[in-house]
């Protein structure tokens, strides 16, 4: 989480520094919010990964790759194929909204927090009953 926050913060500082030279003026509060939400996105992926690892460790990396790739492409393909709006909510990248332009999507943010709590809670519960070793 700390590493994700540092990477997001560095990216935001660079974006905030370069944006005015491109004629784009960003709200500092929105930029800070977007940075925090990027760190929460990493935590959400971590929670999903922890839950999958606790039950099916060999499937975790391919599963998370599918979740990441599908989550990236769903917002791109949804308007093209005229998919219903609920399909967009299947993408983790779409859940927190667009804090720099339209603000935070609060329902999606609460869903992300629920995924984090259920993911890590379920992972802890699953690891308690998992037999490790011979």
C-alpha atoms as a PDB file:
ATOM      1  CA  UNK A   1       0.000   0.000   0.000  1.00  0.00           C
ATOM      2  CA  UNK A   2       2.841   2.364   0.871  1.00  0.00           C
ATOM      3  CA  UNK A   3       4.628   1.607  -2.399  1.00  0.00           C
ATOM      4  CA  UNK A   4       1.414   2.194  -4.365  1.00  0.00           C
ATOM      5  CA  UNK A   5       0.856   5.490  -2.550  1.00  0.00           C
ATOM      6  CA  UNK A   6       4.429   6.617  -3.268  1.00  0.00           C
ATOM      7  CA  UNK A   7       4.116   5.719  -6.972  1.00  0.00           C
ATOM      8  CA  UNK A   8       0.753   7.465  -7.238  1.00  0.00           C
ATOM      9  CA  UNK A   9       2.121  10.530  -5.416  1.00  0.00           C
ATOM     10  CA  UNK A  10       5.146  10.789  -7.705  1.00  0.00           C
ATOM     11  CA  UNK A  11       2.892  10.488 -10.746  1.00  0.00           C
ATOM     12  CA  UNK A  12       0.563  13.156  -9.376  1.00  0.00           C
ATOM     13  CA  UNK A  13       3.417  15.546  -8.605  1.00  0.00           C
ATOM     14  CA  UNK A  14       4.764  15.148 -12.130  1.00  0.00           C
ATOM     15  CA  UNK A  15       1.278  15.546 -13.599  1.00  0.00           C
ATOM     16  CA  UNK A  16       0.637  18.630 -11.487  1.00  0.00           C
ATOM     17  CA  UNK A  17       3.950  20.135 -12.560  1.00  0.00           C
ATOM     18  CA  UNK A  18       3.593  19.427 -16.278  1.00  0.00           C
ATOM     19  CA  UNK A  19      -0.137  20.084 -16.753  1.00  0.00           C
ATOM     20  CA  UNK A  20       0.044  23.917 -16.716  1.00  0.00           C
ATOM     21  CA  UNK A  21       2.644  23.882 -19.496  1.00  0.00           C
ATOM     22  CA  UNK A  22       0.112  21.956 -21.600  1.00  0.00           C
ATOM     23  CA  UNK A  23      -2.665  24.435 -20.899  1.00  0.00           C
ATOM     24  CA  UNK A  24      -4.420  22.167 -18.397  1.00  0.00           C
ATOM     25  CA  UNK A  25      -5.194  23.540 -14.962  1.00  0.00           C
ATOM     26  CA  UNK A  26      -5.878  20.902 -12.341  1.00  0.00           C
ATOM     27  CA  UNK A  27      -7.532  21.347  -8.990  1.00  0.00           C
ATOM     28  CA  UNK A  28      -5.041  20.433  -6.251  1.00  0.00           C
ATOM     29  CA  UNK A  29      -7.755  18.854  -4.102  1.00  0.00           C
ATOM     30  CA  UNK A  30      -8.920  16.695  -7.001  1.00  0.00           C
ATOM     31  CA  UNK A  31      -5.352  15.637  -7.694  1.00  0.00           C
ATOM     32  CA  UNK A  32      -4.824  14.608  -4.070  1.00  0.00           C
ATOM     33  CA  UNK A  33      -8.134  12.721  -4.097  1.00  0.00           C
ATOM     34  CA  UNK A  34      -7.182  10.928  -7.318  1.00  0.00           C
ATOM     35  CA  UNK A  35      -3.839   9.962  -5.788  1.00  0.00           C
ATOM     36  CA  UNK A  36      -5.478   8.473  -2.696  1.00  0.00           C
ATOM     37  CA  UNK A  37      -7.992   6.593  -4.829  1.00  0.00           C
ATOM     38  CA  UNK A  38      -5.209   5.096  -6.936  1.00  0.00           C
ATOM     39  CA  UNK A  39      -3.667   3.725  -3.754  1.00  0.00           C
ATOM     40  CA  UNK A  40      -7.078   2.323  -2.788  1.00  0.00           C
ATOM     41  CA  UNK A  41      -7.295   0.695  -6.226  1.00  0.00           C
ATOM     42  CA  UNK A  42      -3.999  -1.101  -5.544  1.00  0.00           C
ATOM     43  CA  UNK A  43      -5.323  -2.199  -2.156  1.00  0.00           C
ATOM     44  CA  UNK A  44      -8.470  -3.528  -3.847  1.00  0.00           C
ATOM     45  CA  UNK A  45      -6.395  -5.613  -6.261  1.00  0.00           C
ATOM     46  CA  UNK A  46      -4.371  -6.817  -3.280  1.00  0.00           C
ATOM     47  CA  UNK A  47      -7.515  -7.893  -1.430  1.00  0.00           C
ATOM     48  CA  UNK A  48      -8.843  -9.800  -4.437  1.00  0.00           C
ATOM     49  CA  UNK A  49      -5.433 -11.380  -4.907  1.00  0.00           C
ATOM     50  CA  UNK A  50      -5.177 -12.365  -1.230  1.00  0.00           C
ATOM     51  CA  UNK A  51      -8.582 -14.026  -1.365  1.00  0.00           C
ATOM     52  CA  UNK A  52      -7.734 -15.991  -4.502  1.00  0.00           C
ATOM     53  CA  UNK A  53      -4.282 -16.954  -3.186  1.00  0.00           C
ATOM     54  CA  UNK A  54      -5.788 -18.250   0.046  1.00  0.00           C
ATOM     55  CA  UNK A  55      -7.942 -20.788  -1.797  1.00  0.00           C
ATOM     56  CA  UNK A  56      -6.353 -21.339  -5.232  1.00  0.00           C
ATOM     57  CA  UNK A  57      -2.744 -20.097  -5.202  1.00  0.00           C
ATOM     58  CA  UNK A  58      -1.837 -21.353  -8.681  1.00  0.00           C
ATOM     59  CA  UNK A  59      -4.756 -19.529 -10.261  1.00  0.00           C
ATOM     60  CA  UNK A  60      -4.068 -16.151  -8.632  1.00  0.00           C
ATOM     61  CA  UNK A  61      -1.737 -14.564 -11.185  1.00  0.00           C
ATOM     62  CA  UNK A  62      -3.760 -15.499 -14.296  1.00  0.00           C
ATOM     63  CA  UNK A  63      -6.992 -14.534 -12.522  1.00  0.00           C
ATOM     64  CA  UNK A  64      -5.667 -11.108 -11.515  1.00  0.00           C
ATOM     65  CA  UNK A  65      -4.339 -10.595 -15.040  1.00  0.00           C
ATOM     66  CA  UNK A  66      -7.802 -11.282 -16.453  1.00  0.00           C
ATOM     67  CA  UNK A  67      -9.391  -8.954 -13.885  1.00  0.00           C
ATOM     68  CA  UNK A  68      -6.904  -6.174 -14.737  1.00  0.00           C
ATOM     69  CA  UNK A  69      -7.127  -6.529 -18.517  1.00  0.00           C
ATOM     70  CA  UNK A  70     -10.910  -6.914 -18.566  1.00  0.00           C
ATOM     71  CA  UNK A  71     -11.264  -4.025 -16.122  1.00  0.00           C
ATOM     72  CA  UNK A  72      -9.170  -1.824 -18.385  1.00  0.00           C
ATOM     73  CA  UNK A  73     -11.083  -2.657 -21.565  1.00  0.00           C
ATOM     74  CA  UNK A  74     -14.653  -2.672 -20.227  1.00  0.00           C
ATOM     75  CA  UNK A  75     -14.905   1.162 -20.059  1.00  0.00           C
ATOM     76  CA  UNK A  76     -13.468   1.376 -23.568  1.00  0.00           C
ATOM     77  CA  UNK A  77     -15.793  -1.181 -25.144  1.00  0.00           C
ATOM     78  CA  UNK A  78     -19.003  -0.383 -23.243  1.00  0.00           C
ATOM     79  CA  UNK A  79     -19.909   2.735 -25.271  1.00  0.00           C
ATOM     80  CA  UNK A  80     -18.783   1.110 -28.504  1.00  0.00           C
ATOM     81  CA  UNK A  81     -21.053  -1.906 -28.086  1.00  0.00           C
ATOM     82  CA  UNK A  82     -23.765   0.036 -26.215  1.00  0.00           C
ATOM     83  CA  UNK A  83     -23.518  -2.142 -23.108  1.00  0.00           C
ATOM     84  CA  UNK A  84     -25.722  -1.178 -20.138  1.00  0.00           C
ATOM     85  CA  UNK A  85     -24.218   1.107 -17.510  1.00  0.00           C
ATOM     86  CA  UNK A  86     -24.002  -1.632 -14.878  1.00  0.00           C
ATOM     87  CA  UNK A  87     -21.368  -3.388 -16.995  1.00  0.00           C
ATOM     88  CA  UNK A  88     -19.029  -0.466 -16.307  1.00  0.00           C
ATOM     89  CA  UNK A  89     -19.231  -1.261 -12.597  1.00  0.00           C
ATOM     90  CA  UNK A  90     -17.551  -4.614 -13.284  1.00  0.00           C
ATOM     91  CA  UNK A  91     -14.308  -2.704 -13.860  1.00  0.00           C
ATOM     92  CA  UNK A  92     -12.303  -1.878 -10.740  1.00  0.00           C
ATOM     93  CA  UNK A  93     -10.827   1.065 -12.645  1.00  0.00           C
ATOM     94  CA  UNK A  94     -14.275   2.578 -13.122  1.00  0.00           C
ATOM     95  CA  UNK A  95     -15.561   2.154  -9.582  1.00  0.00           C
ATOM     96  CA  UNK A  96     -14.000   5.208  -7.961  1.00  0.00           C
ATOM     97  CA  UNK A  97     -15.095   7.550 -10.727  1.00  0.00           C
ATOM     98  CA  UNK A  98     -13.111  10.360 -12.304  1.00  0.00           C
ATOM     99  CA  UNK A  99     -12.098  12.655  -9.454  1.00  0.00           C
ATOM    100  CA  UNK A 100     -10.309  15.168 -11.686  1.00  0.00           C
ATOM    101  CA  UNK A 101     -13.250  15.820 -13.996  1.00  0.00           C
ATOM    102  CA  UNK A 102     -16.593  14.696 -12.582  1.00  0.00           C
ATOM    103  CA  UNK A 103     -15.761  13.827  -8.983  1.00  0.00           C
ATOM    104  CA  UNK A 104     -15.806  10.665  -6.937  1.00  0.00           C
ATOM    105  CA  UNK A 105     -18.408   7.988  -7.647  1.00  0.00           C
ATOM    106  CA  UNK A 106     -19.329   7.345  -4.014  1.00  0.00           C
ATOM    107  CA  UNK A 107     -21.313   4.156  -4.542  1.00  0.00           C
ATOM    108  CA  UNK A 108     -18.396   2.603  -6.382  1.00  0.00           C
ATOM    109  CA  UNK A 109     -16.005   3.789  -3.681  1.00  0.00           C
ATOM    110  CA  UNK A 110     -18.082   2.035  -1.026  1.00  0.00           C
ATOM    111  CA  UNK A 111     -18.087  -1.088  -3.189  1.00  0.00           C
ATOM    112  CA  UNK A 112     -14.291  -0.918  -3.406  1.00  0.00           C
ATOM    113  CA  UNK A 113     -14.019  -0.593   0.373  1.00  0.00           C
ATOM    114  CA  UNK A 114     -16.360  -3.571   0.783  1.00  0.00           C
ATOM    115  CA  UNK A 115     -14.200  -5.593  -1.616  1.00  0.00           C
ATOM    116  CA  UNK A 116     -11.139  -4.721   0.492  1.00  0.00           C
ATOM    117  CA  UNK A 117     -12.804  -5.738   3.760  1.00  0.00           C
ATOM    118  CA  UNK A 118     -14.363  -8.916   2.357  1.00  0.00           C
ATOM    119  CA  UNK A 119     -11.234  -9.804   0.385  1.00  0.00           C
ATOM    120  CA  UNK A 120      -8.781  -9.542   3.260  1.00  0.00           C
ATOM    121  CA  UNK A 121     -11.288 -10.910   5.777  1.00  0.00           C
ATOM    122  CA  UNK A 122     -12.061 -13.868   3.551  1.00  0.00           C
ATOM    123  CA  UNK A 123      -8.359 -14.444   2.922  1.00  0.00           C
ATOM    124  CA  UNK A 124      -7.638 -14.556   6.654  1.00  0.00           C
ATOM    125  CA  UNK A 125     -10.553 -16.925   7.239  1.00  0.00           C
ATOM    126  CA  UNK A 126      -9.504 -19.154   4.324  1.00  0.00           C
ATOM    127  CA  UNK A 127      -5.881 -19.264   5.480  1.00  0.00           C
ATOM    128  CA  UNK A 128      -6.938 -20.383   8.950  1.00  0.00           C
ATOM    129  CA  UNK A 129      -8.482 -23.559   7.531  1.00  0.00           C
ATOM    130  CA  UNK A 130      -5.938 -24.172   4.764  1.00  0.00           C
ATOM    131  CA  UNK A 131      -3.614 -27.089   5.423  1.00  0.00           C
ATOM    132  CA  UNK A 132      -0.025 -26.109   4.709  1.00  0.00           C
ATOM    133  CA  UNK A 133       2.738 -28.681   4.480  1.00  0.00           C
ATOM    134  CA  UNK A 134       2.505 -32.419   4.628  1.00  0.00           C
END
